[in-house]
PDB file of N, CA and C in Angstrom:
ATOM      1  N   MET A   1       0.461  -1.316   0.004  1.00  0.00           N
ATOM      2  CA  MET A   1       0.787  -0.542  -0.126  1.00  0.00           C
ATOM      3  C   MET A   1       0.442   0.624   0.096  1.00  0.00           C
ATOM      4  N   SER A   2       0.319   1.241   0.150  1.00  0.00           N
ATOM      5  CA  SER A   2       1.556   3.298  -0.992  1.00  0.00           C
ATOM      6  C   SER A   2       1.348   4.709   0.457  1.00  0.00           C
ATOM      7  N   SER A   3       1.671   4.662   1.421  1.00  0.00           N
ATOM      8  CA  SER A   3       2.155   5.848   2.634  1.00  0.00           C
ATOM      9  C   SER A   3       0.244   6.945   1.904  1.00  0.00           C
ATOM     10  N   LEU A   4       0.201   7.499   0.515  1.00  0.00           N
ATOM     11  CA  LEU A   4      -1.306   8.827   0.907  1.00  0.00           C
ATOM     12  C   LEU A   4      -2.181   7.437   0.905  1.00  0.00           C
ATOM     13  N   ALA A   5      -2.419   5.893   0.400  1.00  0.00           N
ATOM     14  CA  ALA A   5      -3.438   5.310   0.655  1.00  0.00           C
ATOM     15  C   ALA A   5      -3.666   4.900   1.883  1.00  0.00           C
ATOM     16  N   SER A   6      -2.051   4.816   2.402  1.00  0.00           N
ATOM     17  CA  SER A   6      -2.401   4.129   3.931  1.00  0.00           C
ATOM     18  C   SER A   6      -2.850   4.448   5.162  1.00  0.00           C
ATOM     19  N   TRP A   7      -2.955   6.479   4.626  1.00  0.00           N
ATOM     20  CA  TRP A   7      -3.817   7.247   5.378  1.00  0.00           C
ATOM     21  C   TRP A   7      -5.277   7.740   4.899  1.00  0.00           C
ATOM     22  N   SER A   8      -4.981   7.221   4.138  1.00  0.00           N
ATOM     23  CA  SER A   8      -6.459   7.617   2.903  1.00  0.00           C
ATOM     24  C   SER A   8      -7.495   6.290   3.299  1.00  0.00           C
ATOM     25  N   TYR A   9      -7.596   5.135   3.073  1.00  0.00           N
ATOM     26  CA  TYR A   9      -8.453   4.714   2.911  1.00  0.00           C
ATOM     27  C   TYR A   9      -8.758   3.646   4.332  1.00  0.00           C
ATOM     28  N   THR A  10      -9.148   4.546   4.850  1.00  0.00           N
ATOM     29  CA  THR A  10      -8.532   3.430   6.601  1.00  0.00           C
ATOM     30  C   THR A  10     -10.686   3.349   6.781  1.00  0.00           C
ATOM     31  N   ALA A  11     -11.427   3.311   5.818  1.00  0.00           N
ATOM     32  CA  ALA A  11     -12.504   2.634   5.984  1.00  0.00           C
ATOM     33  C   ALA A  11     -12.396   1.287   5.062  1.00  0.00           C
ATOM     34  N   GLN A  12     -13.661   0.185   6.062  1.00  0.00           N
ATOM     35  CA  GLN A  12     -13.736  -0.923   5.867  1.00  0.00           C
ATOM     36  C   GLN A  12     -14.024  -1.231   3.902  1.00  0.00           C
ATOM     37  N   ALA A  13     -14.808  -2.028   3.611  1.00  0.00           N
ATOM     38  CA  ALA A  13     -15.633  -2.913   2.100  1.00  0.00           C
ATOM     39  C   ALA A  13     -15.666  -3.964   1.964  1.00  0.00           C
ATOM     40  N   THR A  14     -16.718  -4.849   2.175  1.00  0.00           N
ATOM     41  CA  THR A  14     -16.941  -6.594   2.280  1.00  0.00           C
ATOM     42  C   THR A  14     -17.174  -6.643   0.521  1.00  0.00           C
ATOM     43  N   ILE A  15     -16.259  -7.377  -0.745  1.00  0.00           N
ATOM     44  CA  ILE A  15     -16.802  -7.454  -1.468  1.00  0.00           C
ATOM     45  C   ILE A  15     -16.742  -8.792  -1.901  1.00  0.00           C
ATOM     46  N   TRP A  16     -17.635  -9.194  -3.251  1.00  0.00           N
ATOM     47  CA  TRP A  16     -18.173 -10.541  -3.441  1.00  0.00           C
ATOM     48  C   TRP A  16     -17.431 -10.587  -5.259  1.00  0.00           C
ATOM     49  N   LYS A  17     -16.724 -11.063  -5.484  1.00  0.00           N
ATOM     50  CA  LYS A  17     -16.919 -11.691  -5.889  1.00  0.00           C
ATOM     51  C   LYS A  17     -17.235 -12.715  -6.818  1.00  0.00           C
ATOM     52  N   ARG A  18     -17.904 -12.862  -8.399  1.00  0.00           N
ATOM     53  CA  ARG A  18     -17.975 -13.645  -9.133  1.00  0.00           C
ATOM     54  C   ARG A  18     -17.719 -14.997  -9.174  1.00  0.00           C
ATOM     55  N   SER A  19     -18.176 -16.000  -9.066  1.00  0.00           N
ATOM     56  CA  SER A  19     -16.868 -17.519  -9.482  1.00  0.00           C
ATOM     57  C   SER A  19     -17.049 -17.646 -10.290  1.00  0.00           C
ATOM     58  N   GLY A  20     -17.939 -17.163 -11.277  1.00  0.00           N
ATOM     59  CA  GLY A  20     -18.170 -18.183 -13.106  1.00  0.00           C
ATOM     60  C   GLY A  20     -19.367 -18.697 -12.623  1.00  0.00           C
ATOM     61  N   ALA A  21     -19.942 -19.222 -11.660  1.00  0.00           N
ATOM     62  CA  ALA A  21     -21.093 -20.625 -11.550  1.00  0.00           C
ATOM     63  C   ALA A  21     -22.062 -19.506 -11.092  1.00  0.00           C
ATOM     64  N   THR A  22     -23.384 -20.300 -11.596  1.00  0.00           N
ATOM     65  CA  THR A  22     -24.209 -20.489 -11.669  1.00  0.00           C
ATOM     66  C   THR A  22     -25.309 -21.764 -10.691  1.00  0.00           C
ATOM     67  N   ASN A  23     -26.872 -20.801  -9.370  1.00  0.00           N
ATOM     68  CA  ASN A  23     -26.897 -21.949  -9.411  1.00  0.00           C
ATOM     69  C   ASN A  23     -28.604 -22.584 -10.545  1.00  0.00           C
ATOM     70  N   ASP A  24     -29.443 -23.803  -9.891  1.00  0.00           N
ATOM     71  CA  ASP A  24     -30.186 -24.389 -10.540  1.00  0.00           C
ATOM     72  C   ASP A  24     -30.743 -22.951 -10.718  1.00  0.00           C
ATOM     73  N   TYR A  25     -31.292 -22.213 -10.852  1.00  0.00           N
ATOM     74  CA  TYR A  25     -32.156 -21.162 -11.593  1.00  0.00           C
ATOM     75  C   TYR A  25     -31.314 -20.121 -12.298  1.00  0.00           C
ATOM     76  N   GLY A  26     -30.074 -20.750 -12.397  1.00  0.00           N
ATOM     77  CA  GLY A  26     -29.077 -19.797 -13.790  1.00  0.00           C
ATOM     78  C   GLY A  26     -28.443 -18.095 -12.455  1.00  0.00           C
ATOM     79  N   ASP A  27     -29.182 -18.034 -10.981  1.00  0.00           N
ATOM     80  CA  ASP A  27     -28.975 -16.835 -10.743  1.00  0.00           C
ATOM     81  C   ASP A  27     -27.548 -16.836 -10.382  1.00  0.00           C
ATOM     82  N   PRO A  28     -26.197 -15.453 -10.377  1.00  0.00           N
ATOM     83  CA  PRO A  28     -25.128 -16.005 -10.357  1.00  0.00           C
ATOM     84  C   PRO A  28     -24.102 -16.360  -9.045  1.00  0.00           C
ATOM     85  N   LEU A  29     -24.100 -17.069  -7.930  1.00  0.00           N
ATOM     86  CA  LEU A  29     -22.380 -17.925  -7.591  1.00  0.00           C
ATOM     87  C   LEU A  29     -21.892 -16.566  -6.801  1.00  0.00           C
ATOM     88  N   PHE A  30     -20.893 -16.867  -6.035  1.00  0.00           N
ATOM     89  CA  PHE A  30     -19.806 -15.931  -5.327  1.00  0.00           C
ATOM     90  C   PHE A  30     -19.620 -16.748  -4.332  1.00  0.00           C
ATOM     91  N   ASP A  31     -17.552 -16.116  -4.604  1.00  0.00           N
ATOM     92  CA  ASP A  31     -16.860 -16.176  -4.127  1.00  0.00           C
ATOM     93  C   ASP A  31     -16.363 -16.280  -2.484  1.00  0.00           C
ATOM     94  N   ALA A  32     -15.830 -16.479  -1.479  1.00  0.00           N
ATOM     95  CA  ALA A  32     -16.651 -15.804  -0.581  1.00  0.00           C
ATOM     96  C   ALA A  32     -15.893 -14.381  -0.163  1.00  0.00           C
ATOM     97  N   PRO A  33     -16.460 -13.870   0.623  1.00  0.00           N
ATOM     98  CA  PRO A  33     -16.294 -12.348   0.984  1.00  0.00           C
ATOM     99  C   PRO A  33     -15.085 -11.805   1.700  1.00  0.00           C
ATOM    100  N   VAL A  34     -14.951 -10.651   1.091  1.00  0.00           N
ATOM    101  CA  VAL A  34     -12.928 -10.447   1.796  1.00  0.00           C
ATOM    102  C   VAL A  34     -12.884  -8.958   2.092  1.00  0.00           C
ATOM    103  N   VAL A  35     -12.247  -8.924   2.748  1.00  0.00           N
ATOM    104  CA  VAL A  35     -12.825  -7.164   3.492  1.00  0.00           C
ATOM    105  C   VAL A  35     -11.240  -6.114   2.637  1.00  0.00           C
ATOM    106  N   ILE A  36     -12.104  -5.152   2.480  1.00  0.00           N
ATOM    107  CA  ILE A  36     -10.894  -3.961   1.957  1.00  0.00           C
ATOM    108  C   ILE A  36     -10.922  -2.926   2.041  1.00  0.00           C
ATOM    109  N   ALA A  37     -10.266  -2.217   2.096  1.00  0.00           N
ATOM    110  CA  ALA A  37      -9.628  -0.946   2.645  1.00  0.00           C
ATOM    111  C   ALA A  37      -9.912   0.425   1.712  1.00  0.00           C
ATOM    112  N   VAL A  38     -10.659   0.346   2.393  1.00  0.00           N
ATOM    113  CA  VAL A  38     -11.726   1.731   1.112  1.00  0.00           C
ATOM    114  C   VAL A  38     -11.821   3.573   1.609  1.00  0.00           C
ATOM    115  N   ASP A  39     -11.644   4.314   1.041  1.00  0.00           N
ATOM    116  CA  ASP A  39     -12.634   5.535   1.225  1.00  0.00           C
ATOM    117  C   ASP A  39     -13.568   5.923  -0.216  1.00  0.00           C
ATOM    118  N   TYR A  40     -14.544   5.759  -0.048  1.00  0.00           N
ATOM    119  CA  TYR A  40     -16.621   5.992  -0.188  1.00  0.00           C
ATOM    120  C   TYR A  40     -17.065   7.410   0.033  1.00  0.00           C
ATOM    121  N   GLN A  41     -17.819   7.854  -0.822  1.00  0.00           N
ATOM    122  CA  GLN A  41     -18.339   8.704  -1.263  1.00  0.00           C
ATOM    123  C   GLN A  41     -20.414   8.472  -1.599  1.00  0.00           C
ATOM    124  N   GLY A  42     -21.262   8.850  -0.900  1.00  0.00           N
ATOM    125  CA  GLY A  42     -22.491   8.354  -1.430  1.00  0.00           C
ATOM    126  C   GLY A  42     -23.294   9.349  -2.357  1.00  0.00           C
ATOM    127  N   GLY A  43     -24.310   8.545  -2.695  1.00  0.00           N
ATOM    128  CA  GLY A  43     -24.398   8.984  -3.686  1.00  0.00           C
ATOM    129  C   GLY A  43     -25.869   8.916  -3.916  1.00  0.00           C
ATOM    130  N   LEU A  44     -26.540   8.949  -5.068  1.00  0.00           N
ATOM    131  CA  LEU A  44     -28.249   8.666  -5.279  1.00  0.00           C
ATOM    132  C   LEU A  44     -28.729   7.245  -6.168  1.00  0.00           C
ATOM    133  N   SER A  45     -29.699   7.076  -6.509  1.00  0.00           N
ATOM    134  CA  SER A  45     -29.624   5.796  -6.566  1.00  0.00           C
ATOM    135  C   SER A  45     -30.129   5.550  -7.300  1.00  0.00           C
ATOM    136  N   LYS A  46     -31.676   6.211  -7.553  1.00  0.00           N
ATOM    137  CA  LYS A  46     -32.559   6.696  -8.371  1.00  0.00           C
ATOM    138  C   LYS A  46     -33.585   7.518  -9.103  1.00  0.00           C
ATOM    139  N   ARG A  47     -33.305   7.928 -10.412  1.00  0.00           N
ATOM    140  CA  ARG A  47     -33.382   8.831 -10.788  1.00  0.00           C
ATOM    141  C   ARG A  47     -35.070   8.658 -11.955  1.00  0.00           C
ATOM    142  N   LEU A  48     -36.284   9.121 -11.437  1.00  0.00           N
ATOM    143  CA  LEU A  48     -37.202   8.677 -12.290  1.00  0.00           C
ATOM    144  C   LEU A  48     -37.640   9.568 -12.934  1.00  0.00           C
ATOM    145  N   GLY A  49     -38.093   9.310 -14.649  1.00  0.00           N
ATOM    146  CA  GLY A  49     -37.763  10.491 -15.757  1.00  0.00           C
ATOM    147  C   GLY A  49     -39.331  10.470 -16.126  1.00  0.00           C
ATOM    148  N   ASP A  50     -40.210  10.744 -17.366  1.00  0.00           N
ATOM    149  CA  ASP A  50     -40.813  10.216 -18.216  1.00  0.00           C
ATOM    150  C   ASP A  50     -41.458   8.797 -18.768  1.00  0.00           C
ATOM    151  N   ILE A  51     -39.829   8.206 -18.191  1.00  0.00           N
ATOM    152  CA  ILE A  51     -40.508   7.269 -19.589  1.00  0.00           C
ATOM    153  C   ILE A  51     -39.844   5.867 -18.648  1.00  0.00           C
ATOM    154  N   GLY A  52     -39.445   6.310 -17.614  1.00  0.00           N
ATOM    155  CA  GLY A  52     -39.369   5.248 -16.188  1.00  0.00           C
ATOM    156  C   GLY A  52     -38.052   5.782 -15.271  1.00  0.00           C
ATOM    157  N   GLY A  53     -37.917   4.756 -14.511  1.00  0.00           N
ATOM    158  CA  GLY A  53     -36.801   5.057 -13.883  1.00  0.00           C
ATOM    159  C   GLY A  53     -35.106   4.567 -14.617  1.00  0.00           C
ATOM    160  N   GLU A  54     -34.086   5.129 -14.173  1.00  0.00           N
ATOM    161  CA  GLU A  54     -33.135   5.135 -14.247  1.00  0.00           C
ATOM    162  C   GLU A  54     -32.230   4.555 -13.356  1.00  0.00           C
ATOM    163  N   ARG A  55     -30.809   3.668 -14.022  1.00  0.00           N
ATOM    164  CA  ARG A  55     -30.063   3.183 -13.132  1.00  0.00           C
ATOM    165  C   ARG A  55     -29.156   4.148 -12.607  1.00  0.00           C
ATOM    166  N   VAL A  56     -28.626   4.752 -11.892  1.00  0.00           N
ATOM    167  CA  VAL A  56     -27.893   6.162 -11.135  1.00  0.00           C
ATOM    168  C   VAL A  56     -26.325   5.195 -10.425  1.00  0.00           C
ATOM    169  N   ILE A  57     -25.287   5.655 -10.503  1.00  0.00           N
ATOM    170  CA  ILE A  57     -24.402   5.472  -9.381  1.00  0.00           C
ATOM    171  C   ILE A  57     -25.235   6.009  -7.965  1.00  0.00           C
ATOM    172  N   LYS A  58     -25.130   5.092  -6.973  1.00  0.00           N
ATOM    173  CA  LYS A  58     -24.761   4.935  -5.379  1.00  0.00           C
ATOM    174  C   LYS A  58     -23.973   5.531  -5.105  1.00  0.00           C
ATOM    175  N   ASN A  59     -22.658   4.542  -4.717  1.00  0.00           N
ATOM    176  CA  ASN A  59     -21.893   4.331  -4.164  1.00  0.00           C
ATOM    177  C   ASN A  59     -20.126   4.915  -5.269  1.00  0.00           C
ATOM    178  N   THR A  60     -19.539   5.652  -4.476  1.00  0.00           N
ATOM    179  CA  THR A  60     -18.046   6.088  -5.394  1.00  0.00           C
ATOM    180  C   THR A  60     -16.919   5.422  -4.217  1.00  0.00           C
ATOM    181  N   LEU A  61     -16.526   3.693  -4.277  1.00  0.00           N
ATOM    182  CA  LEU A  61     -15.326   3.348  -3.211  1.00  0.00           C
ATOM    183  C   LEU A  61     -13.903   3.763  -4.277  1.00  0.00           C
ATOM    184  N   TRP A  62     -12.831   4.010  -3.455  1.00  0.00           N
ATOM    185  CA  TRP A  62     -11.806   4.131  -3.963  1.00  0.00           C
ATOM    186  C   TRP A  62     -11.094   3.557  -2.599  1.00  0.00           C
ATOM    187  N   SER A  63      -9.921   2.273  -3.184  1.00  0.00           N
ATOM    188  CA  SER A  63      -9.449   1.642  -3.042  1.00  0.00           C
ATOM    189  C   SER A  63      -7.899   1.226  -3.516  1.00  0.00           C
ATOM    190  N   GLU A  64      -6.971   0.458  -3.456  1.00  0.00           N
ATOM    191  CA  GLU A  64      -6.386   0.622  -3.901  1.00  0.00           C
ATOM    192  C   GLU A  64      -6.499  -1.633  -5.268  1.00  0.00           C
ATOM    193  N   TYR A  65      -7.712  -2.190  -4.199  1.00  0.00           N
ATOM    194  CA  TYR A  65      -7.878  -3.808  -4.871  1.00  0.00           C
ATOM    195  C   TYR A  65      -8.426  -2.997  -5.743  1.00  0.00           C
ATOM    196  N   ALA A  66      -7.595  -4.246  -6.105  1.00  0.00           N
ATOM    197  CA  ALA A  66      -7.486  -4.441  -8.041  1.00  0.00           C
ATOM    198  C   ALA A  66      -8.188  -5.528  -8.572  1.00  0.00           C
ATOM    199  N   LEU A  67      -9.012  -5.669  -8.024  1.00  0.00           N
ATOM    200  CA  LEU A  67      -9.381  -7.358  -8.814  1.00  0.00           C
ATOM    201  C   LEU A  67     -11.637  -6.955  -8.617  1.00  0.00           C
ATOM    202  N   ALA A  68     -12.014  -5.836  -8.130  1.00  0.00           N
ATOM    203  CA  ALA A  68     -13.524  -5.870  -7.977  1.00  0.00           C
ATOM    204  C   ALA A  68     -13.513  -5.488  -9.635  1.00  0.00           C
ATOM    205  N   ASP A  69     -14.549  -6.503 -10.400  1.00  0.00           N
ATOM    206  CA  ASP A  69     -15.377  -6.054 -11.914  1.00  0.00           C
ATOM    207  C   ASP A  69     -16.792  -6.089 -11.828  1.00  0.00           C
ATOM    208  N   ALA A  70     -17.288  -5.172 -12.336  1.00  0.00           N
ATOM    209  CA  ALA A  70     -19.023  -4.827 -13.237  1.00  0.00           C
ATOM    210  C   ALA A  70     -19.551  -6.585 -12.718  1.00  0.00           C
ATOM    211  N   GLY A  71     -20.670  -6.693 -12.258  1.00  0.00           N
ATOM    212  CA  GLY A  71     -20.994  -7.529 -11.891  1.00  0.00           C
ATOM    213  C   GLY A  71     -20.622  -8.427 -10.290  1.00  0.00           C
ATOM    214  N   ASP A  72     -19.782  -8.145  -9.765  1.00  0.00           N
ATOM    215  CA  ASP A  72     -19.658  -8.147  -8.262  1.00  0.00           C
ATOM    216  C   ASP A  72     -20.197  -7.635  -7.040  1.00  0.00           C
ATOM    217  N   TYR A  73     -20.593  -8.164  -5.919  1.00  0.00           N
ATOM    218  CA  TYR A  73     -20.939  -7.132  -5.124  1.00  0.00           C
ATOM    219  C   TYR A  73     -20.358  -6.464  -4.473  1.00  0.00           C
ATOM    220  N   VAL A  74     -20.273  -5.500  -3.682  1.00  0.00           N
ATOM    221  CA  VAL A  74     -19.780  -4.886  -2.344  1.00  0.00           C
ATOM    222  C   VAL A  74     -20.525  -3.963  -1.695  1.00  0.00           C
ATOM    223  N   LEU A  75     -20.287  -4.011   0.346  1.00  0.00           N
ATOM    224  CA  LEU A  75     -20.775  -3.233   1.007  1.00  0.00           C
ATOM    225  C   LEU A  75     -19.762  -2.808   1.818  1.00  0.00           C
ATOM    226  N   ILE A  76     -20.338  -1.453   2.533  1.00  0.00           N
ATOM    227  CA  ILE A  76     -19.472  -0.599   2.853  1.00  0.00           C
ATOM    228  C   ILE A  76     -19.419  -1.352   4.579  1.00  0.00           C
ATOM    229  N   GLY A  77     -18.017  -1.418   5.103  1.00  0.00           N
ATOM    230  CA  GLY A  77     -18.962  -1.663   6.763  1.00  0.00           C
ATOM    231  C   GLY A  77     -17.723  -3.720   5.930  1.00  0.00           C
ATOM    232  N   VAL A  78     -18.310  -4.135   7.171  1.00  0.00           N
ATOM    233  CA  VAL A  78     -16.974  -5.645   6.998  1.00  0.00           C
ATOM    234  C   VAL A  78     -18.709  -6.232   7.373  1.00  0.00           C
ATOM    235  N   SER A  79     -18.514  -7.650   6.481  1.00  0.00           N
ATOM    236  CA  SER A  79     -19.275  -8.811   6.501  1.00  0.00           C
ATOM    237  C   SER A  79     -19.178 -10.111   6.794  1.00  0.00           C
ATOM    238  N   ASP A  80     -19.461 -11.319   7.118  1.00  0.00           N
ATOM    239  CA  ASP A  80     -18.659 -12.912   6.665  1.00  0.00           C
ATOM    240  C   ASP A  80     -19.741 -13.211   6.146  1.00  0.00           C
ATOM    241  N   ASN A  81     -20.928 -12.101   5.807  1.00  0.00           N
ATOM    242  CA  ASN A  81     -22.230 -12.979   5.333  1.00  0.00           C
ATOM    243  C   ASN A  81     -22.404 -14.332   3.915  1.00  0.00           C
ATOM    244  N   PRO A  82     -22.571 -15.205   3.716  1.00  0.00           N
ATOM    245  CA  PRO A  82     -21.681 -15.441   2.082  1.00  0.00           C
ATOM    246  C   PRO A  82     -22.632 -15.156   1.252  1.00  0.00           C
ATOM    247  N   ASP A  83     -23.849 -14.685   1.910  1.00  0.00           N
ATOM    248  CA  ASP A  83     -24.156 -14.601   0.181  1.00  0.00           C
ATOM    249  C   ASP A  83     -24.911 -12.892   0.092  1.00  0.00           C
ATOM    250  N   PRO A  84     -24.460 -11.714  -0.117  1.00  0.00           N
ATOM    251  CA  PRO A  84     -23.984 -10.354  -0.529  1.00  0.00           C
ATOM    252  C   PRO A  84     -25.641 -10.058  -0.962  1.00  0.00           C
ATOM    253  N   ILE A  85     -26.611 -10.593  -1.375  1.00  0.00           N
ATOM    254  CA  ILE A  85     -27.827  -9.601  -1.358  1.00  0.00           C
ATOM    255  C   ILE A  85     -28.685 -10.116  -0.149  1.00  0.00           C
ATOM    256  N   SER A  86     -28.159 -10.843   0.821  1.00  0.00           N
ATOM    257  CA  SER A  86     -29.510 -10.799   1.918  1.00  0.00           C
ATOM    258  C   SER A  86     -28.683  -9.996   2.739  1.00  0.00           C
ATOM    259  N   ALA A  87     -26.630  -9.872   2.536  1.00  0.00           N
ATOM    260  CA  ALA A  87     -25.915  -9.281   3.246  1.00  0.00           C
ATOM    261  C   ALA A  87     -26.081  -7.046   3.405  1.00  0.00           C
ATOM    262  N   GLY A  88     -26.878  -7.123   2.191  1.00  0.00           N
ATOM    263  CA  GLY A  88     -27.270  -6.097   1.201  1.00  0.00           C
ATOM    264  C   GLY A  88     -26.161  -5.270   0.994  1.00  0.00           C
ATOM    265  N   ALA A  89     -25.215  -5.892   0.083  1.00  0.00           N
ATOM    266  CA  ALA A  89     -24.988  -5.197  -0.731  1.00  0.00           C
ATOM    267  C   ALA A  89     -25.166  -4.901  -2.241  1.00  0.00           C
ATOM    268  N   ASP A  90     -24.286  -3.468  -2.241  1.00  0.00           N
ATOM    269  CA  ASP A  90     -24.388  -3.320  -3.388  1.00  0.00           C
ATOM    270  C   ASP A  90     -24.343  -3.693  -5.425  1.00  0.00           C
ATOM    271  N   GLU A  91     -24.709  -3.461  -6.068  1.00  0.00           N
ATOM    272  CA  GLU A  91     -23.698  -3.919  -7.265  1.00  0.00           C
ATOM    273  C   GLU A  91     -22.971  -3.649  -7.782  1.00  0.00           C
ATOM    274  N   VAL A  92     -21.075  -3.950  -7.976  1.00  0.00           N
ATOM    275  CA  VAL A  92     -20.725  -3.099  -8.937  1.00  0.00           C
ATOM    276  C   VAL A  92     -20.880  -2.607 -10.449  1.00  0.00           C
ATOM    277  N   MET A  93     -21.498  -1.390 -10.615  1.00  0.00           N
ATOM    278  CA  MET A  93     -21.773  -0.864 -11.882  1.00  0.00           C
ATOM    279  C   MET A  93     -20.212  -0.985 -12.538  1.00  0.00           C
ATOM    280  N   GLN A  94     -19.160  -0.243 -12.133  1.00  0.00           N
ATOM    281  CA  GLN A  94     -18.114   0.157 -13.407  1.00  0.00           C
ATOM    282  C   GLN A  94     -16.826   0.114 -12.543  1.00  0.00           C
ATOM    283  N   VAL A  95     -15.636   0.148 -13.041  1.00  0.00           N
ATOM    284  CA  VAL A  95     -13.995  -0.320 -11.677  1.00  0.00           C
ATOM    285  C   VAL A  95     -13.827   1.526 -12.851  1.00  0.00           C
ATOM    286  N   VAL A  96     -13.037   2.196 -12.373  1.00  0.00           N
ATOM    287  CA  VAL A  96     -12.142   3.050 -12.722  1.00  0.00           C
ATOM    288  C   VAL A  96     -11.010   2.945 -12.315  1.00  0.00           C
ATOM    289  N   GLN A  97      -9.960   3.301 -13.466  1.00  0.00           N
ATOM    290  CA  GLN A  97      -8.143   2.931 -12.409  1.00  0.00           C
ATOM    291  C   GLN A  97      -8.058   4.164 -12.841  1.00  0.00           C
ATOM    292  N   TYR A  98      -6.785   4.909 -12.023  1.00  0.00           N
ATOM    293  CA  TYR A  98      -6.391   5.502 -11.607  1.00  0.00           C
ATOM    294  C   TYR A  98      -4.548   5.757 -11.492  1.00  0.00           C
ATOM    295  N   ALA A  99      -3.929   6.582 -11.826  1.00  0.00           N
ATOM    296  CA  ALA A  99      -2.559   5.859 -12.214  1.00  0.00           C
ATOM    297  C   ALA A  99      -1.854   6.722  -9.800  1.00  0.00           C
ATOM    298  N   ASP A 100      -1.283   6.258  -9.215  1.00  0.00           N
ATOM    299  CA  ASP A 100      -0.663   5.609  -8.567  1.00  0.00           C
ATOM    300  C   ASP A 100       0.709   7.388  -8.640  1.00  0.00           C
ATOM    301  N   THR A 101      -0.525   8.455  -8.599  1.00  0.00           N
ATOM    302  CA  THR A 101       0.636  10.270  -9.041  1.00  0.00           C
ATOM    303  C   THR A 101       1.484   9.765  -8.883  1.00  0.00           C
ATOM    304  N   PHE A 102       1.628   9.948  -7.080  1.00  0.00           N
ATOM    305  CA  PHE A 102       3.006  10.566  -5.605  1.00  0.00           C
ATOM    306  C   PHE A 102       3.726   9.261  -6.834  1.00  0.00           C
ATOM    307  N   GLU A 103       3.496   8.047  -5.855  1.00  0.00           N
ATOM    308  CA  GLU A 103       4.132   6.680  -5.746  1.00  0.00           C
ATOM    309  C   GLU A 103       4.726   6.020  -6.659  1.00  0.00           C
ATOM    310  N   ARG A 104       3.528   6.223  -7.574  1.00  0.00           N
ATOM    311  CA  ARG A 104       4.426   4.932  -8.511  1.00  0.00           C
ATOM    312  C   ARG A 104       3.918   3.640  -8.328  1.00  0.00           C
ATOM    313  N   LEU A 105       3.624   3.363  -7.498  1.00  0.00           N
ATOM    314  CA  LEU A 105       3.652   1.253  -6.612  1.00  0.00           C
ATOM    315  C   LEU A 105       2.619   1.258  -6.740  1.00  0.00           C
ATOM    316  N   THR A 106       1.373   1.534  -6.286  1.00  0.00           N
ATOM    317  CA  THR A 106       0.131   0.869  -6.833  1.00  0.00           C
ATOM    318  C   THR A 106      -1.156   1.607  -6.994  1.00  0.00           C
ATOM    319  N   ASP A 107      -1.708   1.509  -7.979  1.00  0.00           N
ATOM    320  CA  ASP A 107      -2.989   2.402  -8.709  1.00  0.00           C
ATOM    321  C   ASP A 107      -4.061   2.640  -7.275  1.00  0.00           C
ATOM    322  N   ASP A 108      -5.056   3.593  -7.970  1.00  0.00           N
ATOM    323  CA  ASP A 108      -6.159   3.164  -6.691  1.00  0.00           C
ATOM    324  C   ASP A 108      -6.823   3.360  -8.590  1.00  0.00           C
ATOM    325  N   PHE A 109      -8.331   2.428  -7.251  1.00  0.00           N
ATOM    326  CA  PHE A 109      -9.230   2.485  -8.022  1.00  0.00           C
ATOM    327  C   PHE A 109     -10.356   2.970  -7.611  1.00  0.00           C
ATOM    328  N   ALA A 110     -11.115   3.522  -8.594  1.00  0.00           N
ATOM    329  CA  ALA A 110     -12.721   4.064  -8.501  1.00  0.00           C
ATOM    330  C   ALA A 110     -13.342   2.998  -8.438  1.00  0.00           C
ATOM    331  N   ILE A 111     -14.205   2.546  -6.853  1.00  0.00           N
ATOM    332  CA  ILE A 111     -15.565   1.359  -7.654  1.00  0.00           C
ATOM    333  C   ILE A 111     -17.060   1.476  -7.776  1.00  0.00           C
ATOM    334  N   LEU A 112     -17.969   1.558  -7.992  1.00  0.00           N
ATOM    335  CA  LEU A 112     -18.624   2.409  -8.344  1.00  0.00           C
ATOM    336  C   LEU A 112     -20.630   1.783  -8.871  1.00  0.00           C
ATOM    337  N   THR A 113     -21.041   1.498  -8.154  1.00  0.00           N
ATOM    338  CA  THR A 113     -22.315   1.288  -7.266  1.00  0.00           C
ATOM    339  C   THR A 113     -23.359   1.477  -8.019  1.00  0.00           C
ATOM    340  N   GLY A 114     -24.359   0.382  -8.523  1.00  0.00           N
ATOM    341  CA  GLY A 114     -25.652   0.933  -8.867  1.00  0.00           C
ATOM    342  C   GLY A 114     -26.519   0.752  -7.999  1.00  0.00           C
ATOM    343  N   GLY A 115     -28.406   1.066  -8.199  1.00  0.00           N
ATOM    344  CA  GLY A 115     -28.984   1.342  -6.420  1.00  0.00           C
ATOM    345  C   GLY A 115     -30.034   1.027  -7.484  1.00  0.00           C
TER     346      GLY A 115
END
């Protein structure tokens, strides 16, 4: 962890990676939850318009965790629940990579969740 990340990523989040397998109903299965160091900001969860609802960003989490992908689930806080849905986690919609501008040790990532 870079020295800047060590003072800025002081919160914890739990992430569930999709395992690639599905259950008998076609729902995705997930690997065991992993706790990662983050910082975060809340946002909007839904916008209603004349033609229906639109999914928008709910939370943005910043981390050096490089393995998050769209379709994974993430929860602000720590959970050992094997099921991200029952744990109240949000789906990862997009992950954006940023350079470690000052130390060039480990890139940073914005993990964007949808509501």
